[in-house]
């Protein structure tokens, strides 16, 4: 079954780079791009159910937007790319993963595999579909 991955990053180039890396890891995946937390919340609230969220957010900011509760209720896997240094234990307790910026495409692929180990990412490089959230 193809994956749907939501990528949220305020920087358009980083979003596209992350989306490309996701598509390289899972060529049959669809990627939803969101610029900010509110757009991600709206996408999830509208019934979209991605298998993984790649978010450039700290855990504290997500809690301020009640995004943590929504994600936990929906049982969606998470990879944070802007977690604060002291949030590691709380992120691990939630069963989520974090990746410190700056990072390489290889580090993103490894983090994707850690977040979704049930499917092995591949190394083919082509893009199927990128959607704007």
C-alpha atoms as a PDB file:
ATOM      1  CA  UNK A   1       0.000   0.000   0.000  1.00  0.00           C
ATOM      2  CA  UNK A   2       1.461   3.406  -0.969  1.00  0.00           C
ATOM      3  CA  UNK A   3       2.444   5.739   1.833  1.00  0.00           C
ATOM      4  CA  UNK A   4       1.266   9.299   2.346  1.00  0.00           C
ATOM      5  CA  UNK A   5       3.802  11.539   4.062  1.00  0.00           C
ATOM      6  CA  UNK A   6       3.095  15.077   5.268  1.00  0.00           C
ATOM      7  CA  UNK A   7       6.137  17.378   5.185  1.00  0.00           C
ATOM      8  CA  UNK A   8       5.897  20.704   7.035  1.00  0.00           C
ATOM      9  CA  UNK A   9       8.692  23.235   6.736  1.00  0.00           C
ATOM     10  CA  UNK A  10       8.397  27.019   6.349  1.00  0.00           C
ATOM     11  CA  UNK A  11      11.282  27.060   3.875  1.00  0.00           C
ATOM     12  CA  UNK A  12      10.010  26.057   0.430  1.00  0.00           C
ATOM     13  CA  UNK A  13      13.368  24.724  -0.760  1.00  0.00           C
ATOM     14  CA  UNK A  14      13.835  22.559   2.326  1.00  0.00           C
ATOM     15  CA  UNK A  15      10.256  21.261   1.918  1.00  0.00           C
ATOM     16  CA  UNK A  16      10.911  20.287  -1.672  1.00  0.00           C
ATOM     17  CA  UNK A  17      14.253  18.710  -0.785  1.00  0.00           C
ATOM     18  CA  UNK A  18      12.616  16.677   1.994  1.00  0.00           C
ATOM     19  CA  UNK A  19       9.788  15.681  -0.361  1.00  0.00           C
ATOM     20  CA  UNK A  20      12.291  14.517  -2.966  1.00  0.00           C
ATOM     21  CA  UNK A  21      14.162  12.487  -0.358  1.00  0.00           C
ATOM     22  CA  UNK A  22      10.891  10.886   0.780  1.00  0.00           C
ATOM     23  CA  UNK A  23      10.056  10.031  -2.834  1.00  0.00           C
ATOM     24  CA  UNK A  24      13.501   8.510  -3.290  1.00  0.00           C
ATOM     25  CA  UNK A  25      12.992   6.409  -0.160  1.00  0.00           C
ATOM     26  CA  UNK A  26       9.444   5.340  -1.087  1.00  0.00           C
ATOM     27  CA  UNK A  27       8.843   5.835  -4.838  1.00  0.00           C
ATOM     28  CA  UNK A  28       5.144   4.988  -4.550  1.00  0.00           C
ATOM     29  CA  UNK A  29       4.533   7.542  -1.764  1.00  0.00           C
ATOM     30  CA  UNK A  30       2.472  10.704  -2.024  1.00  0.00           C
ATOM     31  CA  UNK A  31       3.781  13.803  -0.260  1.00  0.00           C
ATOM     32  CA  UNK A  32       1.640  16.595   1.162  1.00  0.00           C
ATOM     33  CA  UNK A  33       3.546  19.861   1.685  1.00  0.00           C
ATOM     34  CA  UNK A  34       2.528  22.290   4.423  1.00  0.00           C
ATOM     35  CA  UNK A  35       4.199  25.603   5.216  1.00  0.00           C
ATOM     36  CA  UNK A  36       3.193  25.967   8.870  1.00  0.00           C
ATOM     37  CA  UNK A  37       1.653  24.194  11.853  1.00  0.00           C
ATOM     38  CA  UNK A  38      -1.814  25.604  11.230  1.00  0.00           C
ATOM     39  CA  UNK A  39      -1.835  24.204   7.698  1.00  0.00           C
ATOM     40  CA  UNK A  40      -0.745  20.796   9.025  1.00  0.00           C
ATOM     41  CA  UNK A  41      -3.489  20.885  11.683  1.00  0.00           C
ATOM     42  CA  UNK A  42      -6.069  21.841   9.037  1.00  0.00           C
ATOM     43  CA  UNK A  43      -4.907  19.014   6.762  1.00  0.00           C
ATOM     44  CA  UNK A  44      -5.197  16.440   9.563  1.00  0.00           C
ATOM     45  CA  UNK A  45      -8.511  17.881  10.756  1.00  0.00           C
ATOM     46  CA  UNK A  46      -9.914  17.605   7.213  1.00  0.00           C
ATOM     47  CA  UNK A  47      -9.534  13.835   7.336  1.00  0.00           C
ATOM     48  CA  UNK A  48      -6.128  13.307   5.715  1.00  0.00           C
ATOM     49  CA  UNK A  49      -4.329  10.419   7.459  1.00  0.00           C
ATOM     50  CA  UNK A  50      -0.665  10.291   6.455  1.00  0.00           C
ATOM     51  CA  UNK A  51       1.454   7.461   7.791  1.00  0.00           C
ATOM     52  CA  UNK A  52       4.250   9.846   8.762  1.00  0.00           C
ATOM     53  CA  UNK A  53       4.624  13.537   9.569  1.00  0.00           C
ATOM     54  CA  UNK A  54       7.977  15.223   8.958  1.00  0.00           C
ATOM     55  CA  UNK A  55       7.669  18.466  10.909  1.00  0.00           C
ATOM     56  CA  UNK A  56      10.053  21.358  11.433  1.00  0.00           C
ATOM     57  CA  UNK A  57       8.741  22.079  14.900  1.00  0.00           C
ATOM     58  CA  UNK A  58       9.690  21.852  18.517  1.00  0.00           C
ATOM     59  CA  UNK A  59       7.556  19.704  20.779  1.00  0.00           C
ATOM     60  CA  UNK A  60       6.642  22.799  22.814  1.00  0.00           C
ATOM     61  CA  UNK A  61       5.272  24.633  19.784  1.00  0.00           C
ATOM     62  CA  UNK A  62       3.284  21.557  18.752  1.00  0.00           C
ATOM     63  CA  UNK A  63       1.777  21.377  22.244  1.00  0.00           C
ATOM     64  CA  UNK A  64       0.774  25.043  21.995  1.00  0.00           C
ATOM     65  CA  UNK A  65      -1.229  24.227  18.851  1.00  0.00           C
ATOM     66  CA  UNK A  66      -2.706  21.018  20.393  1.00  0.00           C
ATOM     67  CA  UNK A  67      -1.039  19.100  17.569  1.00  0.00           C
ATOM     68  CA  UNK A  68       0.506  16.508  19.890  1.00  0.00           C
ATOM     69  CA  UNK A  69      -2.900  15.304  21.106  1.00  0.00           C
ATOM     70  CA  UNK A  70      -4.295  15.185  17.561  1.00  0.00           C
ATOM     71  CA  UNK A  71      -1.324  13.154  16.301  1.00  0.00           C
ATOM     72  CA  UNK A  72      -1.495  10.761  19.251  1.00  0.00           C
ATOM     73  CA  UNK A  73      -5.245  10.268  18.739  1.00  0.00           C
ATOM     74  CA  UNK A  74      -4.660   9.482  15.052  1.00  0.00           C
ATOM     75  CA  UNK A  75      -1.645   7.246  15.857  1.00  0.00           C
ATOM     76  CA  UNK A  76       0.570   8.877  13.221  1.00  0.00           C
ATOM     77  CA  UNK A  77       4.347   8.452  13.254  1.00  0.00           C
ATOM     78  CA  UNK A  78       6.424  11.621  13.577  1.00  0.00           C
ATOM     79  CA  UNK A  79       9.889  12.820  12.616  1.00  0.00           C
ATOM     80  CA  UNK A  80      10.766  16.258  14.039  1.00  0.00           C
ATOM     81  CA  UNK A  81      13.519  18.311  12.406  1.00  0.00           C
ATOM     82  CA  UNK A  82      13.584  21.267  14.827  1.00  0.00           C
ATOM     83  CA  UNK A  83      13.255  19.798  18.296  1.00  0.00           C
ATOM     84  CA  UNK A  84      14.820  21.665  21.197  1.00  0.00           C
ATOM     85  CA  UNK A  85      17.868  20.035  22.776  1.00  0.00           C
ATOM     86  CA  UNK A  86      16.076  19.171  26.026  1.00  0.00           C
ATOM     87  CA  UNK A  87      13.051  17.545  24.329  1.00  0.00           C
ATOM     88  CA  UNK A  88      14.736  14.240  23.471  1.00  0.00           C
ATOM     89  CA  UNK A  89      13.284  12.193  26.362  1.00  0.00           C
ATOM     90  CA  UNK A  90       9.750  13.519  25.779  1.00  0.00           C
ATOM     91  CA  UNK A  91       9.988  12.810  22.048  1.00  0.00           C
ATOM     92  CA  UNK A  92      11.220   9.274  22.726  1.00  0.00           C
ATOM     93  CA  UNK A  93       8.414   8.723  25.257  1.00  0.00           C
ATOM     94  CA  UNK A  94       5.884   9.548  22.529  1.00  0.00           C
ATOM     95  CA  UNK A  95       7.583   7.003  20.249  1.00  0.00           C
ATOM     96  CA  UNK A  96       8.576   9.747  17.801  1.00  0.00           C
ATOM     97  CA  UNK A  97      11.914  10.456  16.152  1.00  0.00           C
ATOM     98  CA  UNK A  98      14.003  13.605  15.786  1.00  0.00           C
ATOM     99  CA  UNK A  99      16.695  14.715  13.367  1.00  0.00           C
ATOM    100  CA  UNK A 100      18.963  17.684  14.056  1.00  0.00           C
ATOM    101  CA  UNK A 101      19.476  20.298  11.343  1.00  0.00           C
ATOM    102  CA  UNK A 102      21.547  20.563   9.264  1.00  0.00           C
ATOM    103  CA  UNK A 103      21.146  17.063   7.850  1.00  0.00           C
ATOM    104  CA  UNK A 104      21.976  15.224   4.654  1.00  0.00           C
ATOM    105  CA  UNK A 105      19.650  13.245   2.398  1.00  0.00           C
ATOM    106  CA  UNK A 106      21.291  10.044   3.689  1.00  0.00           C
ATOM    107  CA  UNK A 107      20.496  11.052   7.286  1.00  0.00           C
ATOM    108  CA  UNK A 108      16.883  11.787   6.302  1.00  0.00           C
ATOM    109  CA  UNK A 109      16.557   8.368   4.602  1.00  0.00           C
ATOM    110  CA  UNK A 110      17.927   6.679   7.728  1.00  0.00           C
ATOM    111  CA  UNK A 111      15.534   8.665   9.955  1.00  0.00           C
ATOM    112  CA  UNK A 112      12.614   7.748   7.665  1.00  0.00           C
ATOM    113  CA  UNK A 113      13.517   4.077   8.026  1.00  0.00           C
ATOM    114  CA  UNK A 114      13.778   4.471  11.809  1.00  0.00           C
ATOM    115  CA  UNK A 115      10.349   6.137  11.911  1.00  0.00           C
ATOM    116  CA  UNK A 116       8.708   3.567   9.589  1.00  0.00           C
ATOM    117  CA  UNK A 117      10.783   0.387   9.873  1.00  0.00           C
ATOM    118  CA  UNK A 118       8.041  -1.883   8.492  1.00  0.00           C
ATOM    119  CA  UNK A 119       8.936  -0.866   4.939  1.00  0.00           C
ATOM    120  CA  UNK A 120      12.465  -0.709   3.634  1.00  0.00           C
ATOM    121  CA  UNK A 121      13.256   2.564   1.844  1.00  0.00           C
ATOM    122  CA  UNK A 122      14.879   2.094  -1.549  1.00  0.00           C
ATOM    123  CA  UNK A 123      17.502   4.115  -3.327  1.00  0.00           C
ATOM    124  CA  UNK A 124      15.701   4.665  -6.669  1.00  0.00           C
ATOM    125  CA  UNK A 125      15.351   8.310  -7.601  1.00  0.00           C
ATOM    126  CA  UNK A 126      12.160   9.544  -9.194  1.00  0.00           C
ATOM    127  CA  UNK A 127       9.180  11.553  -8.044  1.00  0.00           C
ATOM    128  CA  UNK A 128       5.585  10.323  -8.327  1.00  0.00           C
ATOM    129  CA  UNK A 129       3.438  12.988  -6.693  1.00  0.00           C
ATOM    130  CA  UNK A 130       3.783  16.025  -4.449  1.00  0.00           C
ATOM    131  CA  UNK A 131       0.583  17.656  -3.178  1.00  0.00           C
ATOM    132  CA  UNK A 132       0.195  21.055  -1.573  1.00  0.00           C
ATOM    133  CA  UNK A 133      -1.729  20.882   1.729  1.00  0.00           C
END
